[in-house]
Amino acid sequence: MMKLTLTTLAALAIAGAAAAQTTVQSCNREVTFDTPPQAAISNDVNLTEMMLVLGLADRMVGYTGISGWKTLDEDMTAGIEELPELSSQYPSKEVLIGADADFYFAGWNYGMRVGGEVTPETLEPFGIQVYELTESCIHIGEKDAASMADMYNDLRNLGAIFDVSEHAETLIAGYEAELAAFLETQPALDVAPRVFVYDSGEDVPFTAGQYAMPNALIEAAGGTNIMNDLGKSWATVGWEAVVERNPEVIVIVNYGEVTADQKRAFMMSNPAFADIDAVRNDRFVVLEYVEATPGPRNIAAIKTLAAAFRAE
């Protein structure tokens, strides 16, 4: 029988602590968590929903960045009714520190800006660890084009961070199976329809490039994003390029003060767009912001797009 000396006990304690640690890849950083966070904050509606589907509301002290731009539907309102919104738009460093947070789930242009006051580096001295939304990593380094794997990666990493990996893997497997079963029922398209994502803007449109989630959603549904050669995430382009590439379907992202109906009316009434196939044939499809950005509602978004691409 081994004699448990103080040295042996210390070694066992160190080994146990190491076993409890979890390290995940967050963009270009490896982040190690000694214990699961207990005072988390999420920014934006889609990131908050990822926390909710993992059952993490009781590990949160609040959320930020929703009511300044979006509204919550009944499902989400019920999930976070006990939590305060700490900031209607991007939070300041003081807001996060003042909430005694130990974790911030955000992304670049989803609650953090490159060179801004709220970054992983600026929060670290205050004991606030950050996990970055995978889709947003293109703002600070290279990554593959957006795919459903981005969203699954975030759920998987959050599962590891909060010690709910089994639940995360069950969710991911369910989403994958649901999507595969649905796509098997869809009739094949002779040619992938040309699709333009209209987020906002009248002088110049704000749209989704190859690194934004709608690029993955459109491809999964059987279409082609006409801006899939735009080496950016969400960005502005010229209307000339849209007219020249002549989309057959226009996907409107619905959020903010300008409604989806108003965005459609702007395009339908502008003579400059009269020869665009999507305008001539009135082929518009609306995705809510929470569907068009990485999160659990991406599955429903693909179903909506697939139906629209196959409609007469």
C-alpha atoms as a PDB file:
ATOM      1  CA  MET A   1       0.000   0.000   0.000  1.00  0.00           C
ATOM      2  CA  MET A   2       1.393   3.418  -1.037  1.00  0.00           C
ATOM      3  CA  LYS A   3       2.193   5.743   1.840  1.00  0.00           C
ATOM      4  CA  LEU A   4       0.462   9.087   1.301  1.00  0.00           C
ATOM      5  CA  THR A   5       3.191  11.576   2.090  1.00  0.00           C
ATOM      6  CA  LEU A   6       2.630  15.325   1.941  1.00  0.00           C
ATOM      7  CA  THR A   7       4.485  15.337  -1.366  1.00  0.00           C
ATOM      8  CA  THR A   8       2.201  12.645  -2.758  1.00  0.00           C
ATOM      9  CA  LEU A   9      -0.926  14.431  -1.543  1.00  0.00           C
ATOM     10  CA  ALA A  10       0.264  17.674  -3.134  1.00  0.00           C
ATOM     11  CA  ALA A  11       0.925  15.881  -6.417  1.00  0.00           C
ATOM     12  CA  LEU A  12      -2.551  14.313  -6.340  1.00  0.00           C
ATOM     13  CA  ALA A  13      -4.113  17.707  -5.646  1.00  0.00           C
ATOM     14  CA  ILE A  14      -2.259  19.253  -8.573  1.00  0.00           C
ATOM     15  CA  ALA A  15      -3.297  16.381 -10.839  1.00  0.00           C
ATOM     16  CA  GLY A  16      -6.918  16.744  -9.757  1.00  0.00           C
ATOM     17  CA  ALA A  17      -6.858  20.456 -10.427  1.00  0.00           C
ATOM     18  CA  ALA A  18      -5.336  19.897 -13.845  1.00  0.00           C
ATOM     19  CA  ALA A  19      -7.991  17.314 -14.654  1.00  0.00           C
ATOM     20  CA  ALA A  20     -10.703  19.832 -13.765  1.00  0.00           C
ATOM     21  CA  GLN A  21      -9.261  22.462 -16.077  1.00  0.00           C
ATOM     22  CA  THR A  22     -10.734  22.939 -19.540  1.00  0.00           C
ATOM     23  CA  THR A  23      -8.893  24.556 -22.442  1.00  0.00           C
ATOM     24  CA  VAL A  24     -10.697  25.677 -25.593  1.00  0.00           C
ATOM     25  CA  GLN A  25      -9.611  27.444 -28.753  1.00  0.00           C
ATOM     26  CA  SER A  26     -11.100  30.938 -29.002  1.00  0.00           C
ATOM     27  CA  CYS A  27     -10.112  32.482 -32.339  1.00  0.00           C
ATOM     28  CA  ASN A  28      -6.319  32.803 -32.138  1.00  0.00           C
ATOM     29  CA  ARG A  29      -6.107  32.132 -28.388  1.00  0.00           C
ATOM     30  CA  GLU A  30      -6.198  29.115 -26.138  1.00  0.00           C
ATOM     31  CA  VAL A  31      -8.274  29.887 -23.065  1.00  0.00           C
ATOM     32  CA  THR A  32      -8.064  27.739 -19.931  1.00  0.00           C
ATOM     33  CA  PHE A  33     -10.861  27.616 -17.371  1.00  0.00           C
ATOM     34  CA  ASP A  34      -9.988  26.257 -13.938  1.00  0.00           C
ATOM     35  CA  THR A  35     -13.673  25.924 -13.046  1.00  0.00           C
ATOM     36  CA  PRO A  36     -16.922  26.561 -14.937  1.00  0.00           C
ATOM     37  CA  PRO A  37     -17.971  30.248 -14.889  1.00  0.00           C
ATOM     38  CA  GLN A  38     -20.684  31.196 -12.437  1.00  0.00           C
ATOM     39  CA  ALA A  39     -21.349  34.827 -13.413  1.00  0.00           C
ATOM     40  CA  ALA A  40     -21.554  34.898 -17.202  1.00  0.00           C
ATOM     41  CA  ILE A  41     -22.718  37.662 -19.527  1.00  0.00           C
ATOM     42  CA  SER A  42     -23.603  37.176 -23.196  1.00  0.00           C
ATOM     43  CA  ASN A  43     -23.892  39.866 -25.849  1.00  0.00           C
ATOM     44  CA  ASP A  44     -26.486  39.900 -28.633  1.00  0.00           C
ATOM     45  CA  VAL A  45     -29.602  37.857 -29.165  1.00  0.00           C
ATOM     46  CA  ASN A  46     -28.056  34.893 -30.992  1.00  0.00           C
ATOM     47  CA  LEU A  47     -25.206  34.392 -28.529  1.00  0.00           C
ATOM     48  CA  THR A  48     -27.638  34.663 -25.620  1.00  0.00           C
ATOM     49  CA  GLU A  49     -29.827  32.014 -27.210  1.00  0.00           C
ATOM     50  CA  MET A  50     -26.848  29.649 -27.409  1.00  0.00           C
ATOM     51  CA  MET A  51     -26.437  30.044 -23.662  1.00  0.00           C
ATOM     52  CA  LEU A  52     -30.142  29.382 -23.130  1.00  0.00           C
ATOM     53  CA  VAL A  53     -30.353  26.189 -25.204  1.00  0.00           C
ATOM     54  CA  LEU A  54     -27.445  24.828 -23.162  1.00  0.00           C
ATOM     55  CA  GLY A  55     -29.428  25.502 -19.978  1.00  0.00           C
ATOM     56  CA  LEU A  56     -27.005  28.103 -18.658  1.00  0.00           C
ATOM     57  CA  ALA A  57     -29.394  30.857 -17.546  1.00  0.00           C
ATOM     58  CA  ASP A  58     -28.632  30.058 -13.899  1.00  0.00           C
ATOM     59  CA  ARG A  59     -24.925  30.680 -14.570  1.00  0.00           C
ATOM     60  CA  MET A  60     -25.606  34.156 -15.951  1.00  0.00           C
ATOM     61  CA  VAL A  61     -25.792  37.554 -14.251  1.00  0.00           C
ATOM     62  CA  GLY A  62     -27.199  39.328 -17.291  1.00  0.00           C
ATOM     63  CA  TYR A  63     -26.969  39.995 -20.998  1.00  0.00           C
ATOM     64  CA  THR A  64     -26.199  42.959 -23.238  1.00  0.00           C
ATOM     65  CA  GLY A  65     -26.704  44.316 -26.726  1.00  0.00           C
ATOM     66  CA  ILE A  66     -30.242  43.278 -27.574  1.00  0.00           C
ATOM     67  CA  SER A  67     -32.933  45.908 -27.063  1.00  0.00           C
ATOM     68  CA  GLY A  68     -30.888  48.636 -28.743  1.00  0.00           C
ATOM     69  CA  TRP A  69     -31.457  46.925 -32.098  1.00  0.00           C
ATOM     70  CA  LYS A  70     -33.718  43.896 -31.753  1.00  0.00           C
ATOM     71  CA  THR A  71     -36.753  42.584 -29.924  1.00  0.00           C
ATOM     72  CA  LEU A  72     -37.103  39.273 -28.130  1.00  0.00           C
ATOM     73  CA  ASP A  73     -39.765  36.769 -29.083  1.00  0.00           C
ATOM     74  CA  GLU A  74     -41.813  34.853 -26.515  1.00  0.00           C
ATOM     75  CA  ASP A  75     -39.448  31.883 -26.355  1.00  0.00           C
ATOM     76  CA  MET A  76     -36.438  34.000 -25.512  1.00  0.00           C
ATOM     77  CA  THR A  77     -38.291  36.338 -23.177  1.00  0.00           C
ATOM     78  CA  ALA A  78     -39.365  33.350 -21.104  1.00  0.00           C
ATOM     79  CA  GLY A  79     -35.773  32.127 -20.980  1.00  0.00           C
ATOM     80  CA  ILE A  80     -34.216  35.303 -19.636  1.00  0.00           C
ATOM     81  CA  GLU A  81     -37.032  37.005 -17.737  1.00  0.00           C
ATOM     82  CA  GLU A  82     -35.070  36.699 -14.475  1.00  0.00           C
ATOM     83  CA  LEU A  83     -31.939  38.286 -15.971  1.00  0.00           C
ATOM     84  CA  PRO A  84     -31.237  42.010 -16.363  1.00  0.00           C
ATOM     85  CA  GLU A  85     -30.165  43.611 -19.617  1.00  0.00           C
ATOM     86  CA  LEU A  86     -27.035  45.405 -18.458  1.00  0.00           C
ATOM     87  CA  SER A  87     -26.606  47.488 -21.598  1.00  0.00           C
ATOM     88  CA  SER A  88     -28.976  47.967 -24.545  1.00  0.00           C
ATOM     89  CA  GLN A  89     -26.049  48.089 -26.977  1.00  0.00           C
ATOM     90  CA  TYR A  90     -22.346  47.207 -26.611  1.00  0.00           C
ATOM     91  CA  PRO A  91     -21.381  47.212 -22.935  1.00  0.00           C
ATOM     92  CA  SER A  92     -18.590  49.316 -21.494  1.00  0.00           C
ATOM     93  CA  LYS A  93     -15.823  47.702 -19.500  1.00  0.00           C
ATOM     94  CA  GLU A  94     -17.310  49.279 -16.371  1.00  0.00           C
ATOM     95  CA  VAL A  95     -20.659  47.587 -16.964  1.00  0.00           C
ATOM     96  CA  LEU A  96     -19.053  44.131 -17.093  1.00  0.00           C
ATOM     97  CA  ILE A  97     -16.843  44.780 -14.086  1.00  0.00           C
ATOM     98  CA  GLY A  98     -19.744  46.284 -12.137  1.00  0.00           C
ATOM     99  CA  ALA A  99     -21.795  43.135 -12.642  1.00  0.00           C
ATOM    100  CA  ASP A 100     -19.015  41.043 -11.039  1.00  0.00           C
ATOM    101  CA  ALA A 101     -18.875  38.970 -14.203  1.00  0.00           C
ATOM    102  CA  ASP A 102     -16.359  36.157 -14.582  1.00  0.00           C
ATOM    103  CA  PHE A 103     -17.155  35.335 -18.232  1.00  0.00           C
ATOM    104  CA  TYR A 104     -18.151  37.253 -21.364  1.00  0.00           C
ATOM    105  CA  PHE A 105     -19.459  35.478 -24.472  1.00  0.00           C
ATOM    106  CA  ALA A 106     -19.142  37.942 -27.320  1.00  0.00           C
ATOM    107  CA  GLY A 107     -17.586  38.340 -30.726  1.00  0.00           C
ATOM    108  CA  TRP A 108     -15.805  40.856 -32.893  1.00  0.00           C
ATOM    109  CA  ASN A 109     -18.570  43.237 -33.972  1.00  0.00           C
ATOM    110  CA  TYR A 110     -20.818  41.254 -31.614  1.00  0.00           C
ATOM    111  CA  GLY A 111     -20.073  43.214 -28.449  1.00  0.00           C
ATOM    112  CA  MET A 112     -16.359  43.847 -29.011  1.00  0.00           C
ATOM    113  CA  ARG A 113     -14.454  45.966 -31.499  1.00  0.00           C
ATOM    114  CA  VAL A 114     -10.859  45.524 -32.569  1.00  0.00           C
ATOM    115  CA  GLY A 115      -8.900  48.135 -30.636  1.00  0.00           C
ATOM    116  CA  GLY A 116     -11.907  48.950 -28.454  1.00  0.00           C
ATOM    117  CA  GLU A 117     -12.155  49.225 -24.683  1.00  0.00           C
ATOM    118  CA  VAL A 118     -13.764  45.800 -24.297  1.00  0.00           C
ATOM    119  CA  THR A 119     -11.482  42.993 -25.490  1.00  0.00           C
ATOM    120  CA  PRO A 120     -10.138  39.773 -23.969  1.00  0.00           C
ATOM    121  CA  GLU A 121      -6.955  41.640 -23.056  1.00  0.00           C
ATOM    122  CA  THR A 122      -8.673  44.567 -21.351  1.00  0.00           C
ATOM    123  CA  LEU A 123     -10.978  42.306 -19.328  1.00  0.00           C
ATOM    124  CA  GLU A 124      -8.358  39.784 -18.212  1.00  0.00           C
ATOM    125  CA  PRO A 125      -6.960  41.930 -15.342  1.00  0.00           C
ATOM    126  CA  PHE A 126     -10.457  41.989 -13.827  1.00  0.00           C
ATOM    127  CA  GLY A 127     -10.900  38.222 -13.825  1.00  0.00           C
ATOM    128  CA  ILE A 128     -13.311  38.210 -16.765  1.00  0.00           C
ATOM    129  CA  GLN A 129     -12.525  35.503 -19.289  1.00  0.00           C
ATOM    130  CA  VAL A 130     -13.788  35.826 -22.852  1.00  0.00           C
ATOM    131  CA  TYR A 131     -14.901  33.265 -25.396  1.00  0.00           C
ATOM    132  CA  GLU A 132     -15.194  34.676 -28.926  1.00  0.00           C
ATOM    133  CA  LEU A 133     -17.911  33.779 -31.439  1.00  0.00           C
ATOM    134  CA  THR A 134     -16.285  31.618 -34.113  1.00  0.00           C
ATOM    135  CA  GLU A 135     -17.884  33.405 -37.078  1.00  0.00           C
ATOM    136  CA  SER A 136     -16.334  36.663 -35.899  1.00  0.00           C
ATOM    137  CA  CYS A 137     -12.745  35.394 -35.826  1.00  0.00           C
ATOM    138  CA  ILE A 138     -12.186  36.592 -39.415  1.00  0.00           C
ATOM    139  CA  HIS A 139     -11.854  40.124 -38.005  1.00  0.00           C
ATOM    140  CA  ILE A 140      -8.578  39.247 -36.255  1.00  0.00           C
ATOM    141  CA  GLY A 141      -7.117  36.458 -38.395  1.00  0.00           C
ATOM    142  CA  GLU A 142      -7.694  33.893 -41.092  1.00  0.00           C
ATOM    143  CA  LYS A 143     -10.423  31.265 -41.043  1.00  0.00           C
ATOM    144  CA  ASP A 144     -12.415  29.105 -43.422  1.00  0.00           C
ATOM    145  CA  ALA A 145     -15.588  30.422 -45.017  1.00  0.00           C
ATOM    146  CA  ALA A 146     -18.625  30.408 -42.739  1.00  0.00           C
ATOM    147  CA  SER A 147     -20.244  27.028 -42.217  1.00  0.00           C
ATOM    148  CA  MET A 148     -22.642  25.304 -39.865  1.00  0.00           C
ATOM    149  CA  ALA A 149     -19.532  23.923 -38.182  1.00  0.00           C
ATOM    150  CA  ASP A 150     -18.938  27.432 -36.791  1.00  0.00           C
ATOM    151  CA  MET A 151     -22.153  27.317 -34.780  1.00  0.00           C
ATOM    152  CA  TYR A 152     -21.596  23.722 -33.697  1.00  0.00           C
ATOM    153  CA  ASN A 153     -18.067  24.655 -32.603  1.00  0.00           C
ATOM    154  CA  ASP A 154     -19.408  27.388 -30.342  1.00  0.00           C
ATOM    155  CA  LEU A 155     -21.955  25.076 -28.720  1.00  0.00           C
ATOM    156  CA  ARG A 156     -19.278  22.425 -28.231  1.00  0.00           C
ATOM    157  CA  ASN A 157     -16.811  24.884 -26.663  1.00  0.00           C
ATOM    158  CA  LEU A 158     -19.454  26.429 -24.411  1.00  0.00           C
ATOM    159  CA  GLY A 159     -20.387  22.915 -23.346  1.00  0.00           C
ATOM    160  CA  ALA A 160     -16.778  22.248 -22.369  1.00  0.00           C
ATOM    161  CA  ILE A 161     -16.380  25.602 -20.590  1.00  0.00           C
ATOM    162  CA  PHE A 162     -19.529  25.133 -18.488  1.00  0.00           C
ATOM    163  CA  ASP A 163     -19.123  21.365 -18.002  1.00  0.00           C
ATOM    164  CA  VAL A 164     -22.262  20.509 -19.963  1.00  0.00           C
ATOM    165  CA  SER A 165     -20.538  18.767 -22.861  1.00  0.00           C
ATOM    166  CA  GLU A 166     -22.977  15.860 -22.954  1.00  0.00           C
ATOM    167  CA  HIS A 167     -25.900  18.246 -23.391  1.00  0.00           C
ATOM    168  CA  ALA A 168     -24.006  20.183 -26.061  1.00  0.00           C
ATOM    169  CA  GLU A 169     -23.206  17.044 -28.057  1.00  0.00           C
ATOM    170  CA  THR A 170     -26.837  15.924 -27.843  1.00  0.00           C
ATOM    171  CA  LEU A 171     -27.990  19.281 -29.194  1.00  0.00           C
ATOM    172  CA  ILE A 172     -25.460  19.245 -32.031  1.00  0.00           C
ATOM    173  CA  ALA A 173     -26.358  15.688 -33.038  1.00  0.00           C
ATOM    174  CA  GLY A 174     -30.028  16.630 -33.001  1.00  0.00           C
ATOM    175  CA  TYR A 175     -29.501  19.695 -35.188  1.00  0.00           C
ATOM    176  CA  GLU A 176     -27.375  17.724 -37.655  1.00  0.00           C
ATOM    177  CA  ALA A 177     -29.935  14.918 -37.875  1.00  0.00           C
ATOM    178  CA  GLU A 178     -32.865  17.334 -38.248  1.00  0.00           C
ATOM    179  CA  LEU A 179     -31.116  19.227 -41.018  1.00  0.00           C
ATOM    180  CA  ALA A 180     -30.007  16.104 -42.873  1.00  0.00           C
ATOM    181  CA  ALA A 181     -33.502  14.578 -42.714  1.00  0.00           C
ATOM    182  CA  PHE A 182     -35.063  17.799 -43.989  1.00  0.00           C
ATOM    183  CA  LEU A 183     -32.637  18.249 -46.885  1.00  0.00           C
ATOM    184  CA  GLU A 184     -33.238  14.665 -48.005  1.00  0.00           C
ATOM    185  CA  THR A 185     -36.890  15.563 -48.609  1.00  0.00           C
ATOM    186  CA  GLN A 186     -36.102  18.574 -50.789  1.00  0.00           C
ATOM    187  CA  PRO A 187     -36.314  18.212 -54.559  1.00  0.00           C
ATOM    188  CA  ALA A 188     -33.049  18.827 -56.359  1.00  0.00           C
ATOM    189  CA  LEU A 189     -32.582  22.199 -58.025  1.00  0.00           C
ATOM    190  CA  ASP A 190     -31.461  22.207 -61.656  1.00  0.00           C
ATOM    191  CA  VAL A 191     -29.341  25.298 -60.999  1.00  0.00           C
ATOM    192  CA  ALA A 192     -28.490  26.969 -57.719  1.00  0.00           C
ATOM    193  CA  PRO A 193     -30.414  30.269 -57.575  1.00  0.00           C
ATOM    194  CA  ARG A 194     -28.388  33.468 -57.302  1.00  0.00           C
ATOM    195  CA  VAL A 195     -29.078  35.035 -53.907  1.00  0.00           C
ATOM    196  CA  PHE A 196     -28.363  38.472 -52.455  1.00  0.00           C
ATOM    197  CA  VAL A 197     -28.501  39.187 -48.719  1.00  0.00           C
ATOM    198  CA  TYR A 198     -29.919  42.642 -47.996  1.00  0.00           C
ATOM    199  CA  ASP A 199     -29.210  43.566 -44.400  1.00  0.00           C
ATOM    200  CA  SER A 200     -29.574  47.344 -44.483  1.00  0.00           C
ATOM    201  CA  GLY A 201     -28.591  50.592 -46.166  1.00  0.00           C
ATOM    202  CA  GLU A 202     -29.951  52.606 -49.093  1.00  0.00           C
ATOM    203  CA  ASP A 203     -26.955  54.567 -50.408  1.00  0.00           C
ATOM    204  CA  VAL A 204     -24.897  51.384 -50.242  1.00  0.00           C
ATOM    205  CA  PRO A 205     -26.148  47.984 -49.078  1.00  0.00           C
ATOM    206  CA  PHE A 206     -24.738  46.113 -46.090  1.00  0.00           C
ATOM    207  CA  THR A 207     -24.534  42.436 -47.006  1.00  0.00           C
ATOM    208  CA  ALA A 208     -23.037  39.060 -46.177  1.00  0.00           C
ATOM    209  CA  GLY A 209     -19.720  37.967 -47.648  1.00  0.00           C
ATOM    210  CA  GLN A 210     -18.206  34.505 -47.571  1.00  0.00           C
ATOM    211  CA  TYR A 211     -17.352  34.688 -43.861  1.00  0.00           C
ATOM    212  CA  ALA A 212     -20.860  35.619 -42.680  1.00  0.00           C
ATOM    213  CA  MET A 213     -23.341  32.960 -41.596  1.00  0.00           C
ATOM    214  CA  PRO A 214     -25.900  33.582 -44.373  1.00  0.00           C
ATOM    215  CA  ASN A 215     -23.308  32.375 -46.890  1.00  0.00           C
ATOM    216  CA  ALA A 216     -23.431  28.961 -45.191  1.00  0.00           C
ATOM    217  CA  LEU A 217     -27.225  29.018 -44.839  1.00  0.00           C
ATOM    218  CA  ILE A 218     -27.741  29.841 -48.514  1.00  0.00           C
ATOM    219  CA  GLU A 219     -25.390  27.078 -49.662  1.00  0.00           C
ATOM    220  CA  ALA A 220     -26.989  24.530 -47.350  1.00  0.00           C
ATOM    221  CA  ALA A 221     -30.404  25.414 -48.769  1.00  0.00           C
ATOM    222  CA  GLY A 222     -29.194  24.947 -52.345  1.00  0.00           C
ATOM    223  CA  GLY A 223     -28.436  28.507 -53.430  1.00  0.00           C
ATOM    224  CA  THR A 224     -25.377  30.612 -54.227  1.00  0.00           C
ATOM    225  CA  ASN A 225     -24.572  33.864 -52.454  1.00  0.00           C
ATOM    226  CA  ILE A 226     -23.751  36.359 -55.223  1.00  0.00           C
ATOM    227  CA  MET A 227     -21.222  37.930 -52.840  1.00  0.00           C
ATOM    228  CA  ASN A 228     -19.466  34.674 -51.957  1.00  0.00           C
ATOM    229  CA  ASP A 229     -16.235  36.072 -53.384  1.00  0.00           C
ATOM    230  CA  LEU A 230     -16.335  39.003 -50.964  1.00  0.00           C
ATOM    231  CA  GLY A 231     -13.485  38.181 -48.580  1.00  0.00           C
ATOM    232  CA  LYS A 232     -15.236  39.706 -45.588  1.00  0.00           C
ATOM    233  CA  SER A 233     -17.939  38.881 -43.089  1.00  0.00           C
ATOM    234  CA  TRP A 234     -20.644  41.561 -43.054  1.00  0.00           C
ATOM    235  CA  ALA A 235     -19.672  44.515 -45.250  1.00  0.00           C
ATOM    236  CA  THR A 236     -20.942  47.195 -47.631  1.00  0.00           C
ATOM    237  CA  VAL A 237     -20.801  46.821 -51.414  1.00  0.00           C
ATOM    238  CA  GLY A 238     -21.916  48.972 -54.326  1.00  0.00           C
ATOM    239  CA  TRP A 239     -25.407  48.627 -55.782  1.00  0.00           C
ATOM    240  CA  GLU A 240     -23.761  48.382 -59.203  1.00  0.00           C
ATOM    241  CA  ALA A 241     -22.312  44.999 -58.269  1.00  0.00           C
ATOM    242  CA  VAL A 242     -25.732  43.794 -57.109  1.00  0.00           C
ATOM    243  CA  VAL A 243     -27.405  44.860 -60.360  1.00  0.00           C
ATOM    244  CA  GLU A 244     -24.625  43.309 -62.435  1.00  0.00           C
ATOM    245  CA  ARG A 245     -24.808  39.965 -60.612  1.00  0.00           C
ATOM    246  CA  ASN A 246     -28.601  39.977 -60.939  1.00  0.00           C
ATOM    247  CA  PRO A 247     -29.872  37.947 -57.967  1.00  0.00           C
ATOM    248  CA  GLU A 248     -32.905  35.749 -58.488  1.00  0.00           C
ATOM    249  CA  VAL A 249     -33.792  35.806 -54.776  1.00  0.00           C
ATOM    250  CA  ILE A 250     -33.199  38.548 -52.216  1.00  0.00           C
ATOM    251  CA  VAL A 251     -32.914  37.607 -48.536  1.00  0.00           C
ATOM    252  CA  ILE A 252     -33.866  40.461 -46.228  1.00  0.00           C
ATOM    253  CA  VAL A 253     -32.511  40.427 -42.679  1.00  0.00           C
ATOM    254  CA  ASN A 254     -35.221  41.815 -40.422  1.00  0.00           C
ATOM    255  CA  TYR A 255     -34.201  43.958 -37.455  1.00  0.00           C
ATOM    256  CA  GLY A 256     -33.822  47.586 -36.434  1.00  0.00           C
ATOM    257  CA  GLU A 257     -35.952  50.624 -37.198  1.00  0.00           C
ATOM    258  CA  VAL A 258     -36.320  49.901 -40.925  1.00  0.00           C
ATOM    259  CA  THR A 259     -38.677  46.951 -41.315  1.00  0.00           C
ATOM    260  CA  ALA A 260     -38.385  44.129 -43.806  1.00  0.00           C
ATOM    261  CA  ASP A 261     -41.448  45.485 -45.626  1.00  0.00           C
ATOM    262  CA  GLN A 262     -39.777  48.878 -45.954  1.00  0.00           C
ATOM    263  CA  LYS A 263     -36.578  47.317 -47.301  1.00  0.00           C
ATOM    264  CA  ARG A 264     -38.579  45.371 -49.892  1.00  0.00           C
ATOM    265  CA  ALA A 265     -40.553  48.472 -50.848  1.00  0.00           C
ATOM    266  CA  PHE A 266     -37.315  50.418 -51.349  1.00  0.00           C
ATOM    267  CA  MET A 267     -36.026  47.840 -53.798  1.00  0.00           C
ATOM    268  CA  MET A 268     -39.339  47.328 -55.575  1.00  0.00           C
ATOM    269  CA  SER A 269     -39.885  51.058 -56.131  1.00  0.00           C
ATOM    270  CA  ASN A 270     -36.367  52.030 -57.221  1.00  0.00           C
ATOM    271  CA  PRO A 271     -36.071  52.213 -61.044  1.00  0.00           C
ATOM    272  CA  ALA A 272     -32.384  51.313 -60.791  1.00  0.00           C
ATOM    273  CA  PHE A 273     -33.372  47.820 -59.627  1.00  0.00           C
ATOM    274  CA  ALA A 274     -36.192  47.218 -62.117  1.00  0.00           C
ATOM    275  CA  ASP A 275     -34.224  44.711 -64.194  1.00  0.00           C
ATOM    276  CA  ILE A 276     -33.043  42.572 -61.272  1.00  0.00           C
ATOM    277  CA  ASP A 277     -34.720  39.182 -61.594  1.00  0.00           C
ATOM    278  CA  ALA A 278     -35.646  39.049 -57.896  1.00  0.00           C
ATOM    279  CA  VAL A 279     -37.359  42.445 -58.167  1.00  0.00           C
ATOM    280  CA  ARG A 280     -39.120  41.670 -61.453  1.00  0.00           C
ATOM    281  CA  ASN A 281     -40.490  38.436 -60.001  1.00  0.00           C
ATOM    282  CA  ASP A 282     -40.989  39.773 -56.458  1.00  0.00           C
ATOM    283  CA  ARG A 283     -38.898  36.978 -54.934  1.00  0.00           C
ATOM    284  CA  PHE A 284     -38.008  38.143 -51.443  1.00  0.00           C
ATOM    285  CA  VAL A 285     -37.569  36.013 -48.334  1.00  0.00           C
ATOM    286  CA  VAL A 286     -37.232  37.357 -44.805  1.00  0.00           C
ATOM    287  CA  LEU A 287     -34.945  36.016 -42.098  1.00  0.00           C
ATOM    288  CA  GLU A 288     -35.021  37.418 -38.606  1.00  0.00           C
ATOM    289  CA  TYR A 289     -31.659  38.635 -37.297  1.00  0.00           C
ATOM    290  CA  VAL A 290     -31.509  35.755 -34.822  1.00  0.00           C
ATOM    291  CA  GLU A 291     -31.905  33.314 -37.723  1.00  0.00           C
ATOM    292  CA  ALA A 292     -29.286  34.954 -39.960  1.00  0.00           C
ATOM    293  CA  THR A 293     -26.541  35.061 -37.334  1.00  0.00           C
ATOM    294  CA  PRO A 294     -24.874  31.995 -35.770  1.00  0.00           C
ATOM    295  CA  GLY A 295     -27.180  30.247 -33.340  1.00  0.00           C
ATOM    296  CA  PRO A 296     -29.769  27.511 -32.811  1.00  0.00           C
ATOM    297  CA  ARG A 297     -32.265  29.070 -35.230  1.00  0.00           C
ATOM    298  CA  ASN A 298     -29.979  28.504 -38.209  1.00  0.00           C
ATOM    299  CA  ILE A 299     -31.771  25.202 -38.830  1.00  0.00           C
ATOM    300  CA  ALA A 300     -35.122  26.968 -39.249  1.00  0.00           C
ATOM    301  CA  ALA A 301     -33.420  29.561 -41.464  1.00  0.00           C
ATOM    302  CA  ILE A 302     -32.154  26.881 -43.859  1.00  0.00           C
ATOM    303  CA  LYS A 303     -35.657  25.411 -44.065  1.00  0.00           C
ATOM    304  CA  THR A 304     -37.110  28.846 -44.870  1.00  0.00           C
ATOM    305  CA  LEU A 305     -34.502  29.469 -47.570  1.00  0.00           C
ATOM    306  CA  ALA A 306     -34.890  25.999 -49.087  1.00  0.00           C
ATOM    307  CA  ALA A 307     -38.630  26.528 -49.477  1.00  0.00           C
ATOM    308  CA  ALA A 308     -38.133  29.965 -51.019  1.00  0.00           C
ATOM    309  CA  PHE A 309     -35.530  28.687 -53.490  1.00  0.00           C
ATOM    310  CA  ARG A 310     -37.941  25.997 -54.681  1.00  0.00           C
ATOM    311  CA  ALA A 311     -41.032  28.186 -54.877  1.00  0.00           C
ATOM    312  CA  GLU A 312     -42.440  29.026 -58.321  1.00  0.00           C
END
